[in-house]
PDB file of N, CA and C in Angstrom:
ATOM      1  N   MET A   1     169.532 -12.214  -4.824  1.00  0.00           N
ATOM      2  CA  MET A   1     168.164 -12.280  -3.984  1.00  0.00           C
ATOM      3  C   MET A   1     167.270 -13.674  -3.749  1.00  0.00           C
ATOM      4  N   THR A   2     167.086 -14.164  -3.167  1.00  0.00           N
ATOM      5  CA  THR A   2     166.314 -15.447  -2.776  1.00  0.00           C
ATOM      6  C   THR A   2     165.030 -15.238  -2.737  1.00  0.00           C
ATOM      7  N   ARG A   3     164.193 -16.014  -3.407  1.00  0.00           N
ATOM      8  CA  ARG A   3     162.840 -16.265  -3.042  1.00  0.00           C
ATOM      9  C   ARG A   3     162.349 -17.519  -1.769  1.00  0.00           C
ATOM     10  N   SER A   4     161.468 -16.563  -1.283  1.00  0.00           N
ATOM     11  CA  SER A   4     161.015 -18.086  -0.192  1.00  0.00           C
ATOM     12  C   SER A   4     159.890 -18.414  -1.032  1.00  0.00           C
ATOM     13  N   THR A   5     159.879 -19.611  -0.583  1.00  0.00           N
ATOM     14  CA  THR A   5     158.439 -20.335  -0.965  1.00  0.00           C
ATOM     15  C   THR A   5     157.232 -20.083  -0.508  1.00  0.00           C
ATOM     16  N   PRO A   6     156.365 -19.217  -1.853  1.00  0.00           N
ATOM     17  CA  PRO A   6     155.110 -18.821  -1.147  1.00  0.00           C
ATOM     18  C   PRO A   6     154.176 -19.717  -0.605  1.00  0.00           C
ATOM     19  N   THR A   7     153.303 -19.208   0.462  1.00  0.00           N
ATOM     20  CA  THR A   7     152.199 -19.997   0.964  1.00  0.00           C
ATOM     21  C   THR A   7     151.106 -20.075   0.264  1.00  0.00           C
ATOM     22  N   THR A   8     150.070 -20.908   0.573  1.00  0.00           N
ATOM     23  CA  THR A   8     149.053 -20.981  -0.140  1.00  0.00           C
ATOM     24  C   THR A   8     148.032 -19.637   0.149  1.00  0.00           C
ATOM     25  N   THR A   9     147.559 -19.116  -1.006  1.00  0.00           N
ATOM     26  CA  THR A   9     146.782 -17.897  -0.844  1.00  0.00           C
ATOM     27  C   THR A   9     145.458 -18.105  -0.540  1.00  0.00           C
ATOM     28  N   THR A  10     144.672 -17.759   0.430  1.00  0.00           N
ATOM     29  CA  THR A  10     143.408 -17.773   0.477  1.00  0.00           C
ATOM     30  C   THR A  10     142.388 -16.496   0.744  1.00  0.00           C
ATOM     31  N   VAL A  11     141.208 -17.065   0.734  1.00  0.00           N
ATOM     32  CA  VAL A  11     140.407 -15.592   0.941  1.00  0.00           C
ATOM     33  C   VAL A  11     140.431 -15.391   2.137  1.00  0.00           C
ATOM     34  N   SER A  12     140.711 -16.127   2.989  1.00  0.00           N
ATOM     35  CA  SER A  12     140.852 -15.564   4.530  1.00  0.00           C
ATOM     36  C   SER A  12     141.860 -14.620   4.798  1.00  0.00           C
ATOM     37  N   ASP A  13     142.945 -14.632   3.983  1.00  0.00           N
ATOM     38  CA  ASP A  13     143.918 -13.639   3.748  1.00  0.00           C
ATOM     39  C   ASP A  13     143.342 -12.129   3.861  1.00  0.00           C
ATOM     40  N   VAL A  14     142.603 -12.075   3.733  1.00  0.00           N
ATOM     41  CA  VAL A  14     141.773 -10.381   3.380  1.00  0.00           C
ATOM     42  C   VAL A  14     141.559  -9.824   4.530  1.00  0.00           C
ATOM     43  N   GLY A  15     140.881 -10.771   5.538  1.00  0.00           N
ATOM     44  CA  GLY A  15     140.685 -10.546   6.842  1.00  0.00           C
ATOM     45  C   GLY A  15     139.560 -10.962   7.159  1.00  0.00           C
ATOM     46  N   GLY A  16     139.246 -11.738   7.966  1.00  0.00           N
ATOM     47  CA  GLY A  16     138.175 -12.261   8.896  1.00  0.00           C
ATOM     48  C   GLY A  16     136.705 -11.724   8.754  1.00  0.00           C
ATOM     49  N   PHE A  17     135.737 -12.158   8.391  1.00  0.00           N
ATOM     50  CA  PHE A  17     134.703 -11.685   8.590  1.00  0.00           C
ATOM     51  C   PHE A  17     134.070 -11.562  10.016  1.00  0.00           C
ATOM     52  N   ARG A  18     133.605 -10.664  10.441  1.00  0.00           N
ATOM     53  CA  ARG A  18     133.033 -10.653  11.698  1.00  0.00           C
ATOM     54  C   ARG A  18     131.498 -10.401  11.868  1.00  0.00           C
ATOM     55  N   THR A  19     131.028 -10.778  12.774  1.00  0.00           N
ATOM     56  CA  THR A  19     129.560 -10.771  13.324  1.00  0.00           C
ATOM     57  C   THR A  19     129.895  -9.857  14.284  1.00  0.00           C
ATOM     58  N   PRO A  20     128.562  -9.166  14.644  1.00  0.00           N
ATOM     59  CA  PRO A  20     128.404  -8.274  15.762  1.00  0.00           C
ATOM     60  C   PRO A  20     129.001  -8.898  17.173  1.00  0.00           C
ATOM     61  N   SER A  21     128.761 -10.058  17.217  1.00  0.00           N
ATOM     62  CA  SER A  21     128.967 -10.711  18.648  1.00  0.00           C
ATOM     63  C   SER A  21     130.492 -11.027  18.779  1.00  0.00           C
ATOM     64  N   MET A  22     131.210 -10.894  17.583  1.00  0.00           N
ATOM     65  CA  MET A  22     132.803 -11.074  17.588  1.00  0.00           C
ATOM     66  C   MET A  22     133.367  -9.898  17.794  1.00  0.00           C
ATOM     67  N   LEU A  23     132.781  -8.935  17.580  1.00  0.00           N
ATOM     68  CA  LEU A  23     133.695  -7.447  18.183  1.00  0.00           C
ATOM     69  C   LEU A  23     134.046  -7.386  19.468  1.00  0.00           C
ATOM     70  N   PRO A  24     135.253  -6.781  19.646  1.00  0.00           N
ATOM     71  CA  PRO A  24     136.004  -6.803  21.047  1.00  0.00           C
ATOM     72  C   PRO A  24     135.076  -6.061  21.963  1.00  0.00           C
ATOM     73  N   LYS A  25     134.875  -6.500  23.084  1.00  0.00           N
ATOM     74  CA  LYS A  25     134.835  -6.004  24.128  1.00  0.00           C
ATOM     75  C   LYS A  25     135.273  -4.800  24.850  1.00  0.00           C
ATOM     76  N   PRO A  26     134.859  -3.998  25.429  1.00  0.00           N
ATOM     77  CA  PRO A  26     136.049  -3.367  26.200  1.00  0.00           C
ATOM     78  C   PRO A  26     136.696  -4.010  27.339  1.00  0.00           C
ATOM     79  N   THR A  27     138.015  -3.695  27.169  1.00  0.00           N
ATOM     80  CA  THR A  27     138.846  -4.607  28.496  1.00  0.00           C
ATOM     81  C   THR A  27     138.591  -4.452  30.159  1.00  0.00           C
ATOM     82  N   ASP A  28     138.535  -3.107  30.164  1.00  0.00           N
ATOM     83  CA  ASP A  28     137.845  -2.915  31.688  1.00  0.00           C
ATOM     84  C   ASP A  28     136.862  -1.951  31.689  1.00  0.00           C
ATOM     85  N   PRO A  29     135.624  -2.307  31.821  1.00  0.00           N
ATOM     86  CA  PRO A  29     134.414  -1.202  32.023  1.00  0.00           C
ATOM     87  C   PRO A  29     134.993  -0.109  32.667  1.00  0.00           C
ATOM     88  N   SER A  30     135.300  -0.175  33.746  1.00  0.00           N
ATOM     89  CA  SER A  30     135.635   1.168  34.403  1.00  0.00           C
ATOM     90  C   SER A  30     136.681   1.928  33.977  1.00  0.00           C
ATOM     91  N   LYS A  31     137.374   1.689  32.890  1.00  0.00           N
ATOM     92  CA  LYS A  31     138.303   2.707  32.066  1.00  0.00           C
ATOM     93  C   LYS A  31     137.565   3.141  30.819  1.00  0.00           C
ATOM     94  N   THR A  32     136.197   2.695  30.723  1.00  0.00           N
ATOM     95  CA  THR A  32     135.562   3.615  29.781  1.00  0.00           C
ATOM     96  C   THR A  32     134.250   4.105  30.155  1.00  0.00           C
ATOM     97  N   SER A  33     134.525   5.816  29.655  1.00  0.00           N
ATOM     98  CA  SER A  33     133.550   6.548  30.231  1.00  0.00           C
ATOM     99  C   SER A  33     132.219   6.338  29.991  1.00  0.00           C
ATOM    100  N   SER A  34     131.524   5.886  28.747  1.00  0.00           N
ATOM    101  CA  SER A  34     130.687   5.946  28.052  1.00  0.00           C
ATOM    102  C   SER A  34     130.267   4.606  27.380  1.00  0.00           C
ATOM    103  N   TRP A  35     128.862   4.254  26.986  1.00  0.00           N
ATOM    104  CA  TRP A  35     129.286   3.199  25.885  1.00  0.00           C
ATOM    105  C   TRP A  35     129.588   4.048  24.370  1.00  0.00           C
ATOM    106  N   TYR A  36     129.837   5.084  24.305  1.00  0.00           N
ATOM    107  CA  TYR A  36     130.180   5.765  23.017  1.00  0.00           C
ATOM    108  C   TYR A  36     131.449   5.283  22.783  1.00  0.00           C
ATOM    109  N   GLU A  37     132.134   5.598  24.201  1.00  0.00           N
ATOM    110  CA  GLU A  37     133.748   5.263  23.978  1.00  0.00           C
ATOM    111  C   GLU A  37     133.884   4.204  23.655  1.00  0.00           C
ATOM    112  N   ALA A  38     133.046   3.124  24.195  1.00  0.00           N
ATOM    113  CA  ALA A  38     133.186   1.588  23.896  1.00  0.00           C
ATOM    114  C   ALA A  38     132.960   1.227  22.331  1.00  0.00           C
ATOM    115  N   LEU A  39     131.939   1.947  21.795  1.00  0.00           N
ATOM    116  CA  LEU A  39     131.919   1.612  20.265  1.00  0.00           C
ATOM    117  C   LEU A  39     132.987   2.012  19.611  1.00  0.00           C
ATOM    118  N   ALA A  40     133.361   3.315  20.151  1.00  0.00           N
ATOM    119  CA  ALA A  40     134.825   3.745  19.256  1.00  0.00           C
ATOM    120  C   ALA A  40     136.084   3.099  19.568  1.00  0.00           C
ATOM    121  N   LYS A  41     136.016   2.292  20.771  1.00  0.00           N
ATOM    122  CA  LYS A  41     136.939   1.530  21.064  1.00  0.00           C
ATOM    123  C   LYS A  41     137.040   0.178  19.867  1.00  0.00           C
ATOM    124  N   ALA A  42     135.754  -0.372  19.827  1.00  0.00           N
ATOM    125  CA  ALA A  42     135.483  -1.620  19.227  1.00  0.00           C
ATOM    126  C   ALA A  42     135.593  -1.225  17.620  1.00  0.00           C
ATOM    127  N   TRP A  43     135.155  -0.078  17.271  1.00  0.00           N
ATOM    128  CA  TRP A  43     135.409   0.071  15.888  1.00  0.00           C
ATOM    129  C   TRP A  43     136.895   0.006  15.651  1.00  0.00           C
ATOM    130  N   GLY A  44     137.671   0.720  16.488  1.00  0.00           N
ATOM    131  CA  GLY A  44     139.316   1.197  16.425  1.00  0.00           C
ATOM    132  C   GLY A  44     139.971  -0.514  16.222  1.00  0.00           C
ATOM    133  N   GLN A  45     139.216  -1.349  16.777  1.00  0.00           N
ATOM    134  CA  GLN A  45     139.958  -2.471  17.117  1.00  0.00           C
ATOM    135  C   GLN A  45     139.779  -3.093  15.684  1.00  0.00           C
ATOM    136  N   VAL A  46     138.761  -2.844  15.414  1.00  0.00           N
ATOM    137  CA  VAL A  46     138.273  -3.841  13.760  1.00  0.00           C
ATOM    138  C   VAL A  46     139.207  -3.286  12.635  1.00  0.00           C
ATOM    139  N   VAL A  47     139.464  -1.827  12.755  1.00  0.00           N
ATOM    140  CA  VAL A  47     139.861  -1.116  11.541  1.00  0.00           C
ATOM    141  C   VAL A  47     141.409  -1.522  11.904  1.00  0.00           C
ATOM    142  N   ASP A  48     141.957  -1.610  13.066  1.00  0.00           N
ATOM    143  CA  ASP A  48     143.459  -2.048  13.433  1.00  0.00           C
ATOM    144  C   ASP A  48     144.002  -3.540  13.171  1.00  0.00           C
ATOM    145  N   ASP A  49     142.459  -4.422  13.359  1.00  0.00           N
ATOM    146  CA  ASP A  49     142.694  -5.772  12.574  1.00  0.00           C
ATOM    147  C   ASP A  49     142.797  -6.015  11.152  1.00  0.00           C
ATOM    148  N   GLN A  50     141.936  -5.259  10.341  1.00  0.00           N
ATOM    149  CA  GLN A  50     142.004  -5.134   9.045  1.00  0.00           C
ATOM    150  C   GLN A  50     143.551  -4.604   8.593  1.00  0.00           C
ATOM    151  N   ALA A  51     144.061  -3.731   9.509  1.00  0.00           N
ATOM    152  CA  ALA A  51     145.337  -2.936   9.082  1.00  0.00           C
ATOM    153  C   ALA A  51     146.247  -4.000   9.415  1.00  0.00           C
ATOM    154  N   GLY A  52     146.139  -4.842  10.016  1.00  0.00           N
ATOM    155  CA  GLY A  52     147.250  -6.375  10.074  1.00  0.00           C
ATOM    156  C   GLY A  52     147.065  -7.244   8.972  1.00  0.00           C
ATOM    157  N   ALA A  53     145.882  -7.343   8.652  1.00  0.00           N
ATOM    158  CA  ALA A  53     145.936  -8.023   7.542  1.00  0.00           C
ATOM    159  C   ALA A  53     146.524  -7.283   6.377  1.00  0.00           C
ATOM    160  N   ILE A  54     146.226  -6.611   6.188  1.00  0.00           N
ATOM    161  CA  ILE A  54     146.843  -5.717   5.022  1.00  0.00           C
ATOM    162  C   ILE A  54     148.323  -5.566   5.015  1.00  0.00           C
ATOM    163  N   GLU A  55     148.913  -5.678   6.432  1.00  0.00           N
ATOM    164  CA  GLU A  55     150.683  -5.865   6.693  1.00  0.00           C
ATOM    165  C   GLU A  55     151.005  -6.767   6.166  1.00  0.00           C
ATOM    166  N   GLY A  56     150.148  -8.059   6.428  1.00  0.00           N
ATOM    167  CA  GLY A  56     150.311  -9.505   6.636  1.00  0.00           C
ATOM    168  C   GLY A  56     150.596 -10.013   5.067  1.00  0.00           C
ATOM    169  N   LEU A  57     149.548  -9.253   4.124  1.00  0.00           N
ATOM    170  CA  LEU A  57     149.866  -9.551   2.931  1.00  0.00           C
ATOM    171  C   LEU A  57     150.838  -8.753   1.918  1.00  0.00           C
ATOM    172  N   SER A  58     151.159  -7.521   2.577  1.00  0.00           N
ATOM    173  CA  SER A  58     152.439  -6.804   2.025  1.00  0.00           C
ATOM    174  C   SER A  58     153.514  -7.388   2.159  1.00  0.00           C
ATOM    175  N   ASP A  59     153.810  -7.970   3.471  1.00  0.00           N
ATOM    176  CA  ASP A  59     154.815  -8.832   3.834  1.00  0.00           C
ATOM    177  C   ASP A  59     155.279 -10.075   2.907  1.00  0.00           C
ATOM    178  N   ARG A  60     153.918 -10.761   2.860  1.00  0.00           N
ATOM    179  CA  ARG A  60     154.085 -11.972   1.917  1.00  0.00           C
ATOM    180  C   ARG A  60     154.568 -11.156   0.579  1.00  0.00           C
ATOM    181  N   ILE A  61     154.250 -10.158  -0.115  1.00  0.00           N
ATOM    182  CA  ILE A  61     154.143 -10.009  -1.605  1.00  0.00           C
ATOM    183  C   ILE A  61     155.660  -9.375  -1.494  1.00  0.00           C
ATOM    184  N   SER A  62     156.471  -8.833  -0.371  1.00  0.00           N
ATOM    185  CA  SER A  62     157.791  -8.204  -0.386  1.00  0.00           C
ATOM    186  C   SER A  62     158.543  -9.415  -0.179  1.00  0.00           C
ATOM    187  N   GLY A  63     157.903 -10.686   0.440  1.00  0.00           N
ATOM    188  CA  GLY A  63     158.785 -11.436   0.664  1.00  0.00           C
ATOM    189  C   GLY A  63     158.887 -12.623  -0.460  1.00  0.00           C
ATOM    190  N   GLY A  64     158.269 -12.286  -1.682  1.00  0.00           N
ATOM    191  CA  GLY A  64     158.317 -13.036  -2.916  1.00  0.00           C
ATOM    192  C   GLY A  64     157.174 -13.670  -3.481  1.00  0.00           C
ATOM    193  N   ASP A  65     156.302 -13.728  -2.781  1.00  0.00           N
ATOM    194  CA  ASP A  65     154.801 -14.198  -3.163  1.00  0.00           C
ATOM    195  C   ASP A  65     154.278 -13.222  -3.784  1.00  0.00           C
ATOM    196  N   ASP A  66     154.674 -12.596  -5.045  1.00  0.00           N
ATOM    197  CA  ASP A  66     154.045 -11.402  -5.878  1.00  0.00           C
ATOM    198  C   ASP A  66     153.206 -12.003  -6.825  1.00  0.00           C
ATOM    199  N   LYS A  67     152.409 -13.156  -6.611  1.00  0.00           N
ATOM    200  CA  LYS A  67     151.631 -13.763  -7.863  1.00  0.00           C
ATOM    201  C   LYS A  67     150.408 -12.895  -7.636  1.00  0.00           C
ATOM    202  N   PRO A  68     149.562 -12.836  -8.749  1.00  0.00           N
ATOM    203  CA  PRO A  68     148.596 -11.865  -9.276  1.00  0.00           C
ATOM    204  C   PRO A  68     147.439 -12.191  -8.003  1.00  0.00           C
ATOM    205  N   GLY A  69     147.479 -13.493  -7.561  1.00  0.00           N
ATOM    206  CA  GLY A  69     145.981 -13.947  -6.874  1.00  0.00           C
ATOM    207  C   GLY A  69     146.320 -13.019  -5.431  1.00  0.00           C
ATOM    208  N   THR A  70     147.757 -12.933  -5.129  1.00  0.00           N
ATOM    209  CA  THR A  70     148.139 -12.478  -3.957  1.00  0.00           C
ATOM    210  C   THR A  70     147.812 -10.814  -4.101  1.00  0.00           C
ATOM    211  N   LEU A  71     148.438 -10.262  -5.129  1.00  0.00           N
ATOM    212  CA  LEU A  71     148.034  -8.826  -5.380  1.00  0.00           C
ATOM    213  C   LEU A  71     146.597  -8.683  -5.211  1.00  0.00           C
ATOM    214  N   THR A  72     145.843  -9.661  -5.694  1.00  0.00           N
ATOM    215  CA  THR A  72     144.319  -9.384  -6.000  1.00  0.00           C
ATOM    216  C   THR A  72     143.765  -9.075  -4.498  1.00  0.00           C
ATOM    217  N   LEU A  73     144.391 -10.311  -3.351  1.00  0.00           N
ATOM    218  CA  LEU A  73     144.022 -10.270  -2.207  1.00  0.00           C
ATOM    219  C   LEU A  73     144.236  -8.816  -1.514  1.00  0.00           C
ATOM    220  N   LEU A  74     145.530  -8.026  -1.888  1.00  0.00           N
ATOM    221  CA  LEU A  74     146.017  -7.025  -1.219  1.00  0.00           C
ATOM    222  C   LEU A  74     145.127  -6.195  -1.600  1.00  0.00           C
ATOM    223  N   THR A  75     144.482  -5.948  -2.853  1.00  0.00           N
ATOM    224  CA  THR A  75     143.597  -5.192  -3.338  1.00  0.00           C
ATOM    225  C   THR A  75     142.339  -4.920  -2.759  1.00  0.00           C
ATOM    226  N   ALA A  76     141.745  -6.236  -2.515  1.00  0.00           N
ATOM    227  CA  ALA A  76     140.483  -6.867  -1.755  1.00  0.00           C
ATOM    228  C   ALA A  76     140.406  -6.334  -0.231  1.00  0.00           C
ATOM    229  N   ALA A  77     141.821  -6.466   0.409  1.00  0.00           N
ATOM    230  CA  ALA A  77     141.880  -6.209   2.155  1.00  0.00           C
ATOM    231  C   ALA A  77     141.975  -4.594   2.074  1.00  0.00           C
ATOM    232  N   SER A  78     142.635  -3.886   1.061  1.00  0.00           N
ATOM    233  CA  SER A  78     142.524  -2.772   1.049  1.00  0.00           C
ATOM    234  C   SER A  78     141.582  -2.079   0.853  1.00  0.00           C
ATOM    235  N   ALA A  79     140.628  -2.407   0.182  1.00  0.00           N
ATOM    236  CA  ALA A  79     139.204  -1.916  -0.252  1.00  0.00           C
ATOM    237  C   ALA A  79     138.259  -2.439   0.910  1.00  0.00           C
ATOM    238  N   LYS A  80     138.776  -3.504   1.724  1.00  0.00           N
ATOM    239  CA  LYS A  80     137.622  -3.656   2.816  1.00  0.00           C
ATOM    240  C   LYS A  80     137.963  -2.896   3.942  1.00  0.00           C
ATOM    241  N   MET A  81     139.649  -2.448   4.176  1.00  0.00           N
ATOM    242  CA  MET A  81     139.817  -1.588   5.123  1.00  0.00           C
ATOM    243  C   MET A  81     139.298  -0.120   4.950  1.00  0.00           C
ATOM    244  N   GLN A  82     139.065   0.488   3.639  1.00  0.00           N
ATOM    245  CA  GLN A  82     138.386   1.780   3.018  1.00  0.00           C
ATOM    246  C   GLN A  82     137.257   1.841   3.988  1.00  0.00           C
ATOM    247  N   PHE A  83     136.190   0.416   3.244  1.00  0.00           N
ATOM    248  CA  PHE A  83     135.218   0.365   3.764  1.00  0.00           C
ATOM    249  C   PHE A  83     134.800   0.283   5.217  1.00  0.00           C
ATOM    250  N   THR A  84     135.343  -0.355   5.823  1.00  0.00           N
ATOM    251  CA  THR A  84     135.489  -0.594   7.261  1.00  0.00           C
ATOM    252  C   THR A  84     135.762   0.817   7.672  1.00  0.00           C
ATOM    253  N   ALA A  85     136.836   1.651   7.379  1.00  0.00           N
ATOM    254  CA  ALA A  85     136.627   3.245   8.016  1.00  0.00           C
ATOM    255  C   ALA A  85     135.756   4.035   7.832  1.00  0.00           C
ATOM    256  N   ASN A  86     135.319   4.149   6.601  1.00  0.00           N
ATOM    257  CA  ASN A  86     133.926   5.022   6.208  1.00  0.00           C
ATOM    258  C   ASN A  86     133.203   4.518   7.009  1.00  0.00           C
ATOM    259  N   SER A  87     132.645   3.137   7.491  1.00  0.00           N
ATOM    260  CA  SER A  87     131.757   2.682   8.109  1.00  0.00           C
ATOM    261  C   SER A  87     131.988   3.212   9.628  1.00  0.00           C
ATOM    262  N   ALA A  88     132.712   3.054  10.025  1.00  0.00           N
ATOM    263  CA  ALA A  88     133.425   3.326  11.372  1.00  0.00           C
ATOM    264  C   ALA A  88     133.130   5.071  11.519  1.00  0.00           C
ATOM    265  N   SER A  89     133.831   5.571  10.419  1.00  0.00           N
ATOM    266  CA  SER A  89     133.298   7.211  10.676  1.00  0.00           C
ATOM    267  C   SER A  89     131.914   7.650  10.471  1.00  0.00           C
ATOM    268  N   THR A  90     131.159   6.859   9.685  1.00  0.00           N
ATOM    269  CA  THR A  90     129.930   7.289   9.679  1.00  0.00           C
ATOM    270  C   THR A  90     128.830   6.598  10.584  1.00  0.00           C
ATOM    271  N   SER A  91     129.260   5.735  11.262  1.00  0.00           N
ATOM    272  CA  SER A  91     128.339   4.949  12.664  1.00  0.00           C
ATOM    273  C   SER A  91     128.997   6.410  13.701  1.00  0.00           C
ATOM    274  N   LEU A  92     129.981   6.525  14.220  1.00  0.00           N
ATOM    275  CA  LEU A  92     130.183   7.428  15.429  1.00  0.00           C
ATOM    276  C   LEU A  92     129.685   8.774  15.239  1.00  0.00           C
ATOM    277  N   GLY A  93     129.757   9.536  13.710  1.00  0.00           N
ATOM    278  CA  GLY A  93     129.222  10.418  13.425  1.00  0.00           C
ATOM    279  C   GLY A  93     127.874  10.739  13.494  1.00  0.00           C
ATOM    280  N   SER A  94     127.073   9.586  13.227  1.00  0.00           N
ATOM    281  CA  SER A  94     125.761   9.355  13.355  1.00  0.00           C
ATOM    282  C   SER A  94     125.106   9.663  14.711  1.00  0.00           C
ATOM    283  N   VAL A  95     125.872   8.641  15.497  1.00  0.00           N
ATOM    284  CA  VAL A  95     125.498   8.234  16.902  1.00  0.00           C
ATOM    285  C   VAL A  95     126.024   9.455  17.771  1.00  0.00           C
ATOM    286  N   GLY A  96     127.031  10.215  17.475  1.00  0.00           N
ATOM    287  CA  GLY A  96     127.310  11.529  17.932  1.00  0.00           C
ATOM    288  C   GLY A  96     126.396  12.509  17.726  1.00  0.00           C
ATOM    289  N   ASN A  97     126.016  12.968  16.498  1.00  0.00           N
ATOM    290  CA  ASN A  97     124.975  13.327  16.189  1.00  0.00           C
ATOM    291  C   ASN A  97     123.456  13.222  16.883  1.00  0.00           C
ATOM    292  N   SER A  98     123.182  12.301  16.850  1.00  0.00           N
ATOM    293  CA  SER A  98     122.181  11.768  17.814  1.00  0.00           C
ATOM    294  C   SER A  98     122.384  12.100  19.083  1.00  0.00           C
ATOM    295  N   LEU A  99     123.049  11.894  19.656  1.00  0.00           N
ATOM    296  CA  LEU A  99     123.498  12.353  21.253  1.00  0.00           C
ATOM    297  C   LEU A  99     123.724  13.581  21.286  1.00  0.00           C
ATOM    298  N   GLU A 100     123.619  14.326  20.507  1.00  0.00           N
ATOM    299  CA  GLU A 100     124.103  15.773  20.374  1.00  0.00           C
ATOM    300  C   GLU A 100     122.548  16.331  20.834  1.00  0.00           C
ATOM    301  N   THR A 101     121.868  15.833  19.673  1.00  0.00           N
ATOM    302  CA  THR A 101     120.116  16.260  19.495  1.00  0.00           C
ATOM    303  C   THR A 101     119.509  15.751  20.982  1.00  0.00           C
ATOM    304  N   MET A 102     120.016  14.885  21.189  1.00  0.00           N
ATOM    305  CA  MET A 102     119.100  14.537  22.796  1.00  0.00           C
ATOM    306  C   MET A 102     119.646  15.111  23.715  1.00  0.00           C
ATOM    307  N   ALA A 103     120.990  15.685  23.931  1.00  0.00           N
ATOM    308  CA  ALA A 103     121.373  16.716  24.980  1.00  0.00           C
ATOM    309  C   ALA A 103     120.878  18.153  24.781  1.00  0.00           C
ATOM    310  N   ARG A 104     120.459  18.785  23.641  1.00  0.00           N
ATOM    311  CA  ARG A 104     119.777  19.723  23.491  1.00  0.00           C
ATOM    312  C   ARG A 104     118.432  19.566  23.627  1.00  0.00           C
ATOM    313  N   LYS A 105     117.834  18.482  23.516  1.00  0.00           N
ATOM    314  CA  LYS A 105     116.190  18.584  24.007  1.00  0.00           C
ATOM    315  C   LYS A 105     116.041  18.349  25.024  1.00  0.00           C
ATOM    316  N   SER A 106     117.117  17.882  26.219  1.00  0.00           N
ATOM    317  CA  SER A 106     116.782  17.731  27.575  1.00  0.00           C
ATOM    318  C   SER A 106     116.879  18.821  28.642  1.00  0.00           C
TER     319      SER A 106
END
């Protein structure tokens, strides 16, 4: 088994920090039936991006870059994925409940 030369490990490997203005926009407004759906698609893209970061780190580790620093980055990326998925679920659930309450009152 040959080991590849490991690349430099940086904090950016964990997944880039996104500000609200960096969140993806719906690709075609005519294909989005509501802003709630657009919100769900944006959260989905953020979660997908974080999953991609985890895959990249996993590939690096399986390719021979199994240093403790890289393993730590994978752990951090996984924790960020859990936080992001929980935030998406909580956000969508709260907005959905609010919309339901508003619909009952009208």
